[in-house]
Amino acid sequence: MNYATQKFCTAGLLTIVSLFVISIPAAAQLFLGPEELVRANDIDIQVPGYSVPSFVFWDGDNLRDLVIGEGGGGVSEGKVRVYLNIGSSSIPQFSTYFYAQSDGADLVSLGGG
């Protein structure tokens, strides 16, 4: 089972992150599960500005963590949110986010239009 297909709909200046579960059995047919809102600490993830969610192996625990671009597009400076998967590979659960950093400072991307 893969859960790397994501969908994001923008309502005004806020993006709500959701995903579809993809199941590809041995017969090589593609099945999409129902859309689900992605949650962190039982709260729907909502990100200001444009966002691009991705699943990555962030912290070396062999679980896919959620990384989301935040802001930009004239809304705010762009940053990268990281939500660690504190669940399992089959039932991911995400923690409260922190910003990706370099040398102790948040990674920032200024909007360029």
PDB file of N, CA and C in Angstrom:
ATOM      1  N   MET A   1       0.841  -1.167   0.000  1.00  0.00           N
ATOM      2  CA  MET A   1       0.000   0.000   0.000  1.00  0.00           C
ATOM      3  C   MET A   1       0.890   1.235   0.000  1.00  0.00           C
ATOM      4  N   ASN A   2       0.544   2.199  -0.814  1.00  0.00           N
ATOM      5  CA  ASN A   2       1.261   3.467  -0.868  1.00  0.00           C
ATOM      6  C   ASN A   2       0.318   4.570  -0.445  1.00  0.00           C
ATOM      7  N   TYR A   3       0.816   5.551   0.270  1.00  0.00           N
ATOM      8  CA  TYR A   3      -0.015   6.697   0.615  1.00  0.00           C
ATOM      9  C   TYR A   3       0.670   7.980   0.189  1.00  0.00           C
ATOM     10  N   ALA A   4       1.402   7.907  -0.909  1.00  0.00           N
ATOM     11  CA  ALA A   4       2.180   9.045  -1.360  1.00  0.00           C
ATOM     12  C   ALA A   4       1.439   9.937  -2.349  1.00  0.00           C
ATOM     13  N   THR A   5       0.191   9.618  -2.660  1.00  0.00           N
ATOM     14  CA  THR A   5      -0.558  10.493  -3.549  1.00  0.00           C
ATOM     15  C   THR A   5      -1.309  11.492  -2.692  1.00  0.00           C
ATOM     16  N   GLN A   6      -1.013  12.748  -2.896  1.00  0.00           N
ATOM     17  CA  GLN A   6      -1.620  13.763  -2.059  1.00  0.00           C
ATOM     18  C   GLN A   6      -2.455  14.728  -2.876  1.00  0.00           C
ATOM     19  N   LYS A   7      -3.338  15.390  -2.192  1.00  0.00           N
ATOM     20  CA  LYS A   7      -4.196  16.382  -2.824  1.00  0.00           C
ATOM     21  C   LYS A   7      -4.205  17.585  -1.901  1.00  0.00           C
ATOM     22  N   PHE A   8      -4.232  18.751  -2.466  1.00  0.00           N
ATOM     23  CA  PHE A   8      -4.324  19.936  -1.641  1.00  0.00           C
ATOM     24  C   PHE A   8      -5.283  20.898  -2.315  1.00  0.00           C
ATOM     25  N   CYS A   9      -6.234  21.402  -1.547  1.00  0.00           N
ATOM     26  CA  CYS A   9      -7.159  22.370  -2.111  1.00  0.00           C
ATOM     27  C   CYS A   9      -6.950  23.670  -1.347  1.00  0.00           C
ATOM     28  N   THR A  10      -6.913  24.749  -2.078  1.00  0.00           N
ATOM     29  CA  THR A  10      -6.657  26.037  -1.474  1.00  0.00           C
ATOM     30  C   THR A  10      -7.960  26.808  -1.375  1.00  0.00           C
ATOM     31  N   ALA A  11      -8.275  27.248  -0.173  1.00  0.00           N
ATOM     32  CA  ALA A  11      -9.459  28.068   0.076  1.00  0.00           C
ATOM     33  C   ALA A  11      -8.950  29.398   0.613  1.00  0.00           C
ATOM     34  N   GLY A  12      -8.908  30.404  -0.229  1.00  0.00           N
ATOM     35  CA  GLY A  12      -8.368  31.687   0.194  1.00  0.00           C
ATOM     36  C   GLY A  12      -6.879  31.581   0.401  1.00  0.00           C
ATOM     37  N   LEU A  13      -6.411  31.892   1.602  1.00  0.00           N
ATOM     38  CA  LEU A  13      -4.983  31.877   1.892  1.00  0.00           C
ATOM     39  C   LEU A  13      -4.583  30.662   2.722  1.00  0.00           C
ATOM     40  N   LEU A  14      -5.449  29.639   2.781  1.00  0.00           N
ATOM     41  CA  LEU A  14      -5.187  28.481   3.608  1.00  0.00           C
ATOM     42  C   LEU A  14      -5.278  27.226   2.759  1.00  0.00           C
ATOM     43  N   THR A  15      -4.356  26.312   2.936  1.00  0.00           N
ATOM     44  CA  THR A  15      -4.392  25.055   2.196  1.00  0.00           C
ATOM     45  C   THR A  15      -4.687  23.928   3.160  1.00  0.00           C
ATOM     46  N   ILE A  16      -5.634  23.072   2.780  1.00  0.00           N
ATOM     47  CA  ILE A  16      -5.992  21.909   3.576  1.00  0.00           C
ATOM     48  C   ILE A  16      -5.374  20.695   2.897  1.00  0.00           C
ATOM     49  N   VAL A  17      -4.646  19.905   3.650  1.00  0.00           N
ATOM     50  CA  VAL A  17      -3.909  18.780   3.089  1.00  0.00           C
ATOM     51  C   VAL A  17      -4.726  17.505   3.250  1.00  0.00           C
ATOM     52  N   SER A  18      -4.904  16.779   2.148  1.00  0.00           N
ATOM     53  CA  SER A  18      -5.594  15.502   2.193  1.00  0.00           C
ATOM     54  C   SER A  18      -4.861  14.516   1.299  1.00  0.00           C
ATOM     55  N   LEU A  19      -5.203  13.244   1.399  1.00  0.00           N
ATOM     56  CA  LEU A  19      -4.540  12.250   0.570  1.00  0.00           C
ATOM     57  C   LEU A  19      -5.498  11.147   0.199  1.00  0.00           C
ATOM     58  N   PHE A  20      -5.138  10.406  -0.835  1.00  0.00           N
ATOM     59  CA  PHE A  20      -5.841   9.206  -1.253  1.00  0.00           C
ATOM     60  C   PHE A  20      -4.901   8.032  -1.015  1.00  0.00           C
ATOM     61  N   VAL A  21      -5.430   6.942  -0.531  1.00  0.00           N
ATOM     62  CA  VAL A  21      -4.627   5.741  -0.355  1.00  0.00           C
ATOM     63  C   VAL A  21      -4.664   4.963  -1.663  1.00  0.00           C
ATOM     64  N   ILE A  22      -3.502   4.574  -2.141  1.00  0.00           N
ATOM     65  CA  ILE A  22      -3.405   3.799  -3.371  1.00  0.00           C
ATOM     66  C   ILE A  22      -3.042   2.369  -3.005  1.00  0.00           C
ATOM     67  N   SER A  23      -3.805   1.447  -3.528  1.00  0.00           N
ATOM     68  CA  SER A  23      -3.532   0.038  -3.285  1.00  0.00           C
ATOM     69  C   SER A  23      -3.326  -0.650  -4.626  1.00  0.00           C
ATOM     70  N   ILE A  24      -2.172  -1.291  -4.805  1.00  0.00           N
ATOM     71  CA  ILE A  24      -1.881  -1.998  -6.049  1.00  0.00           C
ATOM     72  C   ILE A  24      -1.613  -3.466  -5.703  1.00  0.00           C
ATOM     73  N   PRO A  25      -2.653  -4.305  -5.841  1.00  0.00           N
ATOM     74  CA  PRO A  25      -2.455  -5.725  -5.537  1.00  0.00           C
ATOM     75  C   PRO A  25      -1.620  -6.408  -6.621  1.00  0.00           C
ATOM     76  N   ALA A  26      -1.318  -7.669  -6.386  1.00  0.00           N
ATOM     77  CA  ALA A  26      -0.465  -8.417  -7.306  1.00  0.00           C
ATOM     78  C   ALA A  26      -1.021  -8.452  -8.724  1.00  0.00           C
ATOM     79  N   ALA A  27      -2.347  -8.342  -8.881  1.00  0.00           N
ATOM     80  CA  ALA A  27      -2.964  -8.387 -10.214  1.00  0.00           C
ATOM     81  C   ALA A  27      -2.736  -7.087 -10.985  1.00  0.00           C
ATOM     82  N   ALA A  28      -2.018  -6.124 -10.419  1.00  0.00           N
ATOM     83  CA  ALA A  28      -1.633  -4.868 -11.056  1.00  0.00           C
ATOM     84  C   ALA A  28      -2.818  -3.997 -11.443  1.00  0.00           C
ATOM     85  N   GLN A  29      -3.882  -4.032 -10.663  1.00  0.00           N
ATOM     86  CA  GLN A  29      -4.993  -3.108 -10.839  1.00  0.00           C
ATOM     87  C   GLN A  29      -4.831  -2.003  -9.807  1.00  0.00           C
ATOM     88  N   LEU A  30      -5.244  -0.826 -10.170  1.00  0.00           N
ATOM     89  CA  LEU A  30      -5.091   0.334  -9.287  1.00  0.00           C
ATOM     90  C   LEU A  30      -6.418   0.617  -8.599  1.00  0.00           C
ATOM     91  N   PHE A  31      -6.402   0.717  -7.273  1.00  0.00           N
ATOM     92  CA  PHE A  31      -7.584   1.041  -6.499  1.00  0.00           C
ATOM     93  C   PHE A  31      -7.290   2.268  -5.648  1.00  0.00           C
ATOM     94  N   LEU A  32      -8.177   3.249  -5.704  1.00  0.00           N
ATOM     95  CA  LEU A  32      -8.042   4.431  -4.854  1.00  0.00           C
ATOM     96  C   LEU A  32      -9.008   4.310  -3.691  1.00  0.00           C
ATOM     97  N   GLY A  33      -8.496   4.502  -2.489  1.00  0.00           N
ATOM     98  CA  GLY A  33      -9.350   4.514  -1.315  1.00  0.00           C
ATOM     99  C   GLY A  33     -10.023   5.868  -1.179  1.00  0.00           C
ATOM    100  N   PRO A  34     -10.875   6.039  -0.193  1.00  0.00           N
ATOM    101  CA  PRO A  34     -11.557   7.324  -0.014  1.00  0.00           C
ATOM    102  C   PRO A  34     -10.570   8.411   0.402  1.00  0.00           C
ATOM    103  N   GLU A  35     -10.865   9.626   0.020  1.00  0.00           N
ATOM    104  CA  GLU A  35     -10.030  10.765   0.412  1.00  0.00           C
ATOM    105  C   GLU A  35     -10.097  10.936   1.926  1.00  0.00           C
ATOM    106  N   GLU A  36      -8.957  11.251   2.515  1.00  0.00           N
ATOM    107  CA  GLU A  36      -8.891  11.482   3.954  1.00  0.00           C
ATOM    108  C   GLU A  36      -8.113  12.755   4.209  1.00  0.00           C
ATOM    109  N   LEU A  37      -8.589  13.569   5.161  1.00  0.00           N
ATOM    110  CA  LEU A  37      -7.815  14.725   5.578  1.00  0.00           C
ATOM    111  C   LEU A  37      -6.634  14.233   6.393  1.00  0.00           C
ATOM    112  N   VAL A  38      -5.493  14.842   6.202  1.00  0.00           N
ATOM    113  CA  VAL A  38      -4.308  14.473   6.970  1.00  0.00           C
ATOM    114  C   VAL A  38      -4.343  15.248   8.276  1.00  0.00           C
ATOM    115  N   ARG A  39      -4.095  14.550   9.367  1.00  0.00           N
ATOM    116  CA  ARG A  39      -4.208  15.153  10.699  1.00  0.00           C
ATOM    117  C   ARG A  39      -2.883  15.031  11.456  1.00  0.00           C
ATOM    118  N   ALA A  40      -2.652  15.970  12.344  1.00  0.00           N
ATOM    119  CA  ALA A  40      -1.515  15.918  13.270  1.00  0.00           C
ATOM    120  C   ALA A  40      -2.071  16.183  14.653  1.00  0.00           C
ATOM    121  N   ASN A  41      -1.813  15.294  15.575  1.00  0.00           N
ATOM    122  CA  ASN A  41      -2.357  15.397  16.928  1.00  0.00           C
ATOM    123  C   ASN A  41      -3.870  15.596  16.899  1.00  0.00           C
ATOM    124  N   ASP A  42      -4.556  14.812  16.038  1.00  0.00           N
ATOM    125  CA  ASP A  42      -6.014  14.815  15.894  1.00  0.00           C
ATOM    126  C   ASP A  42      -6.606  16.138  15.424  1.00  0.00           C
ATOM    127  N   ILE A  43      -5.807  16.971  14.765  1.00  0.00           N
ATOM    128  CA  ILE A  43      -6.286  18.236  14.203  1.00  0.00           C
ATOM    129  C   ILE A  43      -5.940  18.236  12.711  1.00  0.00           C
ATOM    130  N   ASP A  44      -6.931  18.612  11.858  1.00  0.00           N
ATOM    131  CA  ASP A  44      -6.668  18.686  10.420  1.00  0.00           C
ATOM    132  C   ASP A  44      -5.494  19.620  10.157  1.00  0.00           C
ATOM    133  N   ILE A  45      -4.589  19.204   9.276  1.00  0.00           N
ATOM    134  CA  ILE A  45      -3.446  20.049   8.926  1.00  0.00           C
ATOM    135  C   ILE A  45      -3.914  21.121   7.958  1.00  0.00           C
ATOM    136  N   GLN A  46      -3.718  22.367   8.337  1.00  0.00           N
ATOM    137  CA  GLN A  46      -4.035  23.518   7.495  1.00  0.00           C
ATOM    138  C   GLN A  46      -2.789  24.394   7.454  1.00  0.00           C
ATOM    139  N   VAL A  47      -2.379  24.750   6.239  1.00  0.00           N
ATOM    140  CA  VAL A  47      -1.116  25.455   6.054  1.00  0.00           C
ATOM    141  C   VAL A  47      -1.376  26.781   5.349  1.00  0.00           C
ATOM    142  N   PRO A  48      -0.834  27.890   5.861  1.00  0.00           N
ATOM    143  CA  PRO A  48      -1.045  29.180   5.189  1.00  0.00           C
ATOM    144  C   PRO A  48      -0.266  29.258   3.872  1.00  0.00           C
ATOM    145  N   GLY A  49      -0.869  29.919   2.888  1.00  0.00           N
ATOM    146  CA  GLY A  49      -0.206  30.111   1.600  1.00  0.00           C
ATOM    147  C   GLY A  49      -0.231  28.846   0.768  1.00  0.00           C
ATOM    148  N   TYR A  50       0.634  28.792  -0.199  1.00  0.00           N
ATOM    149  CA  TYR A  50       0.767  27.603  -1.037  1.00  0.00           C
ATOM    150  C   TYR A  50       1.455  26.510  -0.247  1.00  0.00           C
ATOM    151  N   SER A  51       1.061  25.278  -0.487  1.00  0.00           N
ATOM    152  CA  SER A  51       1.761  24.189   0.188  1.00  0.00           C
ATOM    153  C   SER A  51       1.922  23.022  -0.768  1.00  0.00           C
ATOM    154  N   VAL A  52       2.999  22.292  -0.567  1.00  0.00           N
ATOM    155  CA  VAL A  52       3.281  21.106  -1.362  1.00  0.00           C
ATOM    156  C   VAL A  52       3.665  19.994  -0.389  1.00  0.00           C
ATOM    157  N   PRO A  53       2.745  19.049  -0.131  1.00  0.00           N
ATOM    158  CA  PRO A  53       3.069  17.951   0.787  1.00  0.00           C
ATOM    159  C   PRO A  53       3.846  16.851   0.085  1.00  0.00           C
ATOM    160  N   SER A  54       4.769  16.238   0.809  1.00  0.00           N
ATOM    161  CA  SER A  54       5.542  15.097   0.318  1.00  0.00           C
ATOM    162  C   SER A  54       5.798  14.156   1.485  1.00  0.00           C
ATOM    163  N   PHE A  55       5.924  12.885   1.180  1.00  0.00           N
ATOM    164  CA  PHE A  55       6.279  11.904   2.201  1.00  0.00           C
ATOM    165  C   PHE A  55       7.738  11.523   1.995  1.00  0.00           C
ATOM    166  N   VAL A  56       8.531  11.628   3.061  1.00  0.00           N
ATOM    167  CA  VAL A  56       9.964  11.353   2.991  1.00  0.00           C
ATOM    168  C   VAL A  56      10.409  10.600   4.243  1.00  0.00           C
ATOM    169  N   PHE A  57      11.549   9.957   4.145  1.00  0.00           N
ATOM    170  CA  PHE A  57      12.163   9.342   5.324  1.00  0.00           C
ATOM    171  C   PHE A  57      13.045  10.404   5.965  1.00  0.00           C
ATOM    172  N   TRP A  58      12.535  11.155   6.920  1.00  0.00           N
ATOM    173  CA  TRP A  58      13.213  12.317   7.482  1.00  0.00           C
ATOM    174  C   TRP A  58      14.183  11.953   8.593  1.00  0.00           C
ATOM    175  N   ASP A  59      13.733  11.133   9.559  1.00  0.00           N
ATOM    176  CA  ASP A  59      14.500  10.964  10.792  1.00  0.00           C
ATOM    177  C   ASP A  59      15.155   9.592  10.965  1.00  0.00           C
ATOM    178  N   GLY A  60      15.209   8.789   9.907  1.00  0.00           N
ATOM    179  CA  GLY A  60      15.943   7.538   9.970  1.00  0.00           C
ATOM    180  C   GLY A  60      15.246   6.391  10.683  1.00  0.00           C
ATOM    181  N   ASP A  61      13.941   6.509  10.989  1.00  0.00           N
ATOM    182  CA  ASP A  61      13.244   5.424  11.678  1.00  0.00           C
ATOM    183  C   ASP A  61      12.502   4.500  10.714  1.00  0.00           C
ATOM    184  N   ASN A  62      12.727   4.654   9.409  1.00  0.00           N
ATOM    185  CA  ASN A  62      12.120   3.842   8.354  1.00  0.00           C
ATOM    186  C   ASN A  62      10.607   4.034   8.255  1.00  0.00           C
ATOM    187  N   LEU A  63      10.092   5.157   8.739  1.00  0.00           N
ATOM    188  CA  LEU A  63       8.683   5.530   8.582  1.00  0.00           C
ATOM    189  C   LEU A  63       8.631   6.797   7.740  1.00  0.00           C
ATOM    190  N   ARG A  64       7.676   6.863   6.832  1.00  0.00           N
ATOM    191  CA  ARG A  64       7.537   8.056   5.995  1.00  0.00           C
ATOM    192  C   ARG A  64       6.953   9.197   6.816  1.00  0.00           C
ATOM    193  N   ASP A  65       7.695  10.287   6.856  1.00  0.00           N
ATOM    194  CA  ASP A  65       7.265  11.493   7.546  1.00  0.00           C
ATOM    195  C   ASP A  65       6.677  12.449   6.521  1.00  0.00           C
ATOM    196  N   LEU A  66       5.910  13.418   6.987  1.00  0.00           N
ATOM    197  CA  LEU A  66       5.242  14.370   6.111  1.00  0.00           C
ATOM    198  C   LEU A  66       6.009  15.692   6.115  1.00  0.00           C
ATOM    199  N   VAL A  67       6.388  16.158   4.930  1.00  0.00           N
ATOM    200  CA  VAL A  67       7.097  17.429   4.770  1.00  0.00           C
ATOM    201  C   VAL A  67       6.221  18.305   3.881  1.00  0.00           C
ATOM    202  N   ILE A  68       5.939  19.533   4.342  1.00  0.00           N
ATOM    203  CA  ILE A  68       5.038  20.427   3.607  1.00  0.00           C
ATOM    204  C   ILE A  68       5.670  21.799   3.464  1.00  0.00           C
ATOM    205  N   GLY A  69       5.724  22.286   2.227  1.00  0.00           N
ATOM    206  CA  GLY A  69       6.128  23.666   2.002  1.00  0.00           C
ATOM    207  C   GLY A  69       5.036  24.587   2.508  1.00  0.00           C
ATOM    208  N   GLU A  70       5.403  25.724   3.063  1.00  0.00           N
ATOM    209  CA  GLU A  70       4.439  26.653   3.649  1.00  0.00           C
ATOM    210  C   GLU A  70       4.702  28.064   3.157  1.00  0.00           C
ATOM    211  N   GLY A  71       3.636  28.807   2.912  1.00  0.00           N
ATOM    212  CA  GLY A  71       3.770  30.229   2.583  1.00  0.00           C
ATOM    213  C   GLY A  71       4.191  30.465   1.156  1.00  0.00           C
ATOM    214  N   GLY A  72       4.800  31.597   0.943  1.00  0.00           N
ATOM    215  CA  GLY A  72       5.194  31.993  -0.401  1.00  0.00           C
ATOM    216  C   GLY A  72       4.021  32.581  -1.161  1.00  0.00           C
ATOM    217  N   GLY A  73       4.234  32.923  -2.394  1.00  0.00           N
ATOM    218  CA  GLY A  73       3.170  33.476  -3.215  1.00  0.00           C
ATOM    219  C   GLY A  73       2.644  34.795  -2.704  1.00  0.00           C
ATOM    220  N   GLY A  74       3.476  35.578  -2.039  1.00  0.00           N
ATOM    221  CA  GLY A  74       3.053  36.866  -1.517  1.00  0.00           C
ATOM    222  C   GLY A  74       2.353  36.791  -0.169  1.00  0.00           C
ATOM    223  N   VAL A  75       2.104  35.566   0.340  1.00  0.00           N
ATOM    224  CA  VAL A  75       1.421  35.411   1.626  1.00  0.00           C
ATOM    225  C   VAL A  75       2.395  35.614   2.775  1.00  0.00           C
ATOM    226  N   SER A  76       3.507  34.958   2.708  1.00  0.00           N
ATOM    227  CA  SER A  76       4.543  35.065   3.737  1.00  0.00           C
ATOM    228  C   SER A  76       5.817  34.467   3.157  1.00  0.00           C
ATOM    229  N   GLU A  77       6.899  34.550   3.924  1.00  0.00           N
ATOM    230  CA  GLU A  77       8.113  33.894   3.463  1.00  0.00           C
ATOM    231  C   GLU A  77       7.880  32.388   3.470  1.00  0.00           C
ATOM    232  N   GLY A  78       8.526  31.697   2.552  1.00  0.00           N
ATOM    233  CA  GLY A  78       8.345  30.258   2.468  1.00  0.00           C
ATOM    234  C   GLY A  78       9.197  29.521   3.483  1.00  0.00           C
ATOM    235  N   LYS A  79       8.612  28.520   4.124  1.00  0.00           N
ATOM    236  CA  LYS A  79       9.317  27.664   5.074  1.00  0.00           C
ATOM    237  C   LYS A  79       8.950  26.216   4.792  1.00  0.00           C
ATOM    238  N   VAL A  80       9.604  25.300   5.475  1.00  0.00           N
ATOM    239  CA  VAL A  80       9.341  23.876   5.299  1.00  0.00           C
ATOM    240  C   VAL A  80       8.918  23.289   6.640  1.00  0.00           C
ATOM    241  N   ARG A  81       7.677  22.797   6.696  1.00  0.00           N
ATOM    242  CA  ARG A  81       7.174  22.133   7.903  1.00  0.00           C
ATOM    243  C   ARG A  81       7.508  20.647   7.845  1.00  0.00           C
ATOM    244  N   VAL A  82       7.872  20.078   8.991  1.00  0.00           N
ATOM    245  CA  VAL A  82       8.142  18.649   9.097  1.00  0.00           C
ATOM    246  C   VAL A  82       7.236  18.073  10.178  1.00  0.00           C
ATOM    247  N   TYR A  83       6.455  17.071   9.803  1.00  0.00           N
ATOM    248  CA  TYR A  83       5.587  16.339  10.736  1.00  0.00           C
ATOM    249  C   TYR A  83       6.137  14.918  10.822  1.00  0.00           C
ATOM    250  N   LEU A  84       6.665  14.513  11.967  1.00  0.00           N
ATOM    251  CA  LEU A  84       7.206  13.162  12.116  1.00  0.00           C
ATOM    252  C   LEU A  84       6.078  12.153  12.251  1.00  0.00           C
ATOM    253  N   ASN A  85       6.260  10.996  11.614  1.00  0.00           N
ATOM    254  CA  ASN A  85       5.300   9.892  11.729  1.00  0.00           C
ATOM    255  C   ASN A  85       5.589   9.167  13.039  1.00  0.00           C
ATOM    256  N   ILE A  86       4.670   9.268  13.980  1.00  0.00           N
ATOM    257  CA  ILE A  86       4.827   8.593  15.270  1.00  0.00           C
ATOM    258  C   ILE A  86       3.950   7.348  15.347  1.00  0.00           C
ATOM    259  N   GLY A  87       3.352   6.985  14.200  1.00  0.00           N
ATOM    260  CA  GLY A  87       2.518   5.789  14.112  1.00  0.00           C
ATOM    261  C   GLY A  87       3.317   4.639  13.529  1.00  0.00           C
ATOM    262  N   SER A  88       2.784   4.063  12.466  1.00  0.00           N
ATOM    263  CA  SER A  88       3.448   2.949  11.789  1.00  0.00           C
ATOM    264  C   SER A  88       3.421   3.197  10.292  1.00  0.00           C
ATOM    265  N   SER A  89       4.020   2.289   9.523  1.00  0.00           N
ATOM    266  CA  SER A  89       4.006   2.480   8.075  1.00  0.00           C
ATOM    267  C   SER A  89       2.609   2.249   7.506  1.00  0.00           C
ATOM    268  N   SER A  90       1.827   1.366   8.101  1.00  0.00           N
ATOM    269  CA  SER A  90       0.480   1.101   7.589  1.00  0.00           C
ATOM    270  C   SER A  90      -0.572   2.058   8.163  1.00  0.00           C
ATOM    271  N   ILE A  91      -0.335   2.583   9.350  1.00  0.00           N
ATOM    272  CA  ILE A  91      -1.263   3.551   9.968  1.00  0.00           C
ATOM    273  C   ILE A  91      -0.436   4.734  10.478  1.00  0.00           C
ATOM    274  N   PRO A  92      -0.109   5.665   9.568  1.00  0.00           N
ATOM    275  CA  PRO A  92       0.710   6.804   9.992  1.00  0.00           C
ATOM    276  C   PRO A  92      -0.061   7.745  10.911  1.00  0.00           C
ATOM    277  N   GLN A  93       0.633   8.286  11.885  1.00  0.00           N
ATOM    278  CA  GLN A  93       0.111   9.333  12.763  1.00  0.00           C
ATOM    279  C   GLN A  93       1.197  10.389  12.839  1.00  0.00           C
ATOM    280  N   PHE A  94       0.809  11.637  12.697  1.00  0.00           N
ATOM    281  CA  PHE A  94       1.803  12.694  12.622  1.00  0.00           C
ATOM    282  C   PHE A  94       1.796  13.566  13.862  1.00  0.00           C
ATOM    283  N   SER A  95       2.995  13.989  14.255  1.00  0.00           N
ATOM    284  CA  SER A  95       3.195  14.835  15.427  1.00  0.00           C
ATOM    285  C   SER A  95       2.992  16.299  15.051  1.00  0.00           C
ATOM    286  N   THR A  96       3.114  17.158  16.037  1.00  0.00           N
ATOM    287  CA  THR A  96       3.125  18.596  15.796  1.00  0.00           C
ATOM    288  C   THR A  96       4.337  18.924  14.941  1.00  0.00           C
ATOM    289  N   TYR A  97       4.200  19.885  14.059  1.00  0.00           N
ATOM    290  CA  TYR A  97       5.289  20.181  13.134  1.00  0.00           C
ATOM    291  C   TYR A  97       6.389  21.025  13.774  1.00  0.00           C
ATOM    292  N   PHE A  98       7.539  20.968  13.132  1.00  0.00           N
ATOM    293  CA  PHE A  98       8.628  21.903  13.402  1.00  0.00           C
ATOM    294  C   PHE A  98       9.147  22.342  12.045  1.00  0.00           C
ATOM    295  N   TYR A  99       9.877  23.435  12.002  1.00  0.00           N
ATOM    296  CA  TYR A  99      10.423  23.929  10.744  1.00  0.00           C
ATOM    297  C   TYR A  99      11.804  23.316  10.483  1.00  0.00           C
ATOM    298  N   ALA A 100      12.046  22.945   9.229  1.00  0.00           N
ATOM    299  CA  ALA A 100      13.371  22.465   8.837  1.00  0.00           C
ATOM    300  C   ALA A 100      14.367  23.597   9.050  1.00  0.00           C
ATOM    301  N   GLN A 101      15.541  23.250   9.564  1.00  0.00           N
ATOM    302  CA  GLN A 101      16.540  24.261   9.896  1.00  0.00           C
ATOM    303  C   GLN A 101      17.904  23.922   9.305  1.00  0.00           C
ATOM    304  N   SER A 102      18.722  24.955   9.207  1.00  0.00           N
ATOM    305  CA  SER A 102      20.123  24.817   8.849  1.00  0.00           C
ATOM    306  C   SER A 102      20.917  25.751   9.755  1.00  0.00           C
ATOM    307  N   ASP A 103      21.931  25.246  10.407  1.00  0.00           N
ATOM    308  CA  ASP A 103      22.757  26.042  11.338  1.00  0.00           C
ATOM    309  C   ASP A 103      21.910  26.752  12.389  1.00  0.00           C
ATOM    310  N   GLY A 104      20.848  26.075  12.889  1.00  0.00           N
ATOM    311  CA  GLY A 104      20.041  26.615  13.979  1.00  0.00           C
ATOM    312  C   GLY A 104      19.004  27.642  13.557  1.00  0.00           C
ATOM    313  N   ALA A 105      18.839  27.905  12.266  1.00  0.00           N
ATOM    314  CA  ALA A 105      17.845  28.878  11.805  1.00  0.00           C
ATOM    315  C   ALA A 105      16.898  28.206  10.817  1.00  0.00           C
ATOM    316  N   ASP A 106      15.621  28.622  10.850  1.00  0.00           N
ATOM    317  CA  ASP A 106      14.642  28.071   9.921  1.00  0.00           C
ATOM    318  C   ASP A 106      15.077  28.323   8.478  1.00  0.00           C
ATOM    319  N   LEU A 107      14.900  27.315   7.624  1.00  0.00           N
ATOM    320  CA  LEU A 107      15.117  27.501   6.194  1.00  0.00           C
ATOM    321  C   LEU A 107      14.017  28.423   5.676  1.00  0.00           C
ATOM    322  N   VAL A 108      14.390  29.457   4.948  1.00  0.00           N
ATOM    323  CA  VAL A 108      13.433  30.451   4.472  1.00  0.00           C
ATOM    324  C   VAL A 108      13.661  30.690   2.990  1.00  0.00           C
ATOM    325  N   SER A 109      12.557  30.803   2.272  1.00  0.00           N
ATOM    326  CA  SER A 109      12.625  31.150   0.852  1.00  0.00           C
ATOM    327  C   SER A 109      11.743  32.385   0.634  1.00  0.00           C
ATOM    328  N   LEU A 110      12.351  33.446   0.161  1.00  0.00           N
ATOM    329  CA  LEU A 110      11.588  34.658  -0.101  1.00  0.00           C
ATOM    330  C   LEU A 110      10.846  34.489  -1.405  1.00  0.00           C
ATOM    331  N   GLY A 111       9.602  34.988  -1.461  1.00  0.00           N
ATOM    332  CA  GLY A 111       8.785  34.882  -2.667  1.00  0.00           C
ATOM    333  C   GLY A 111       9.418  35.615  -3.842  1.00  0.00           C
ATOM    334  N   GLY A 112       9.395  34.972  -4.985  1.00  0.00           N
ATOM    335  CA  GLY A 112       9.981  35.588  -6.173  1.00  0.00           C
ATOM    336  C   GLY A 112       8.988  35.834  -7.274  1.00  0.00           C
ATOM    337  N   GLY A 113       7.723  35.369  -7.086  1.00  0.00           N
ATOM    338  CA  GLY A 113       6.674  35.610  -8.073  1.00  0.00           C
ATOM    339  C   GLY A 113       6.672  34.681  -9.190  1.00  0.00           C
TER     340      GLY A 113
END
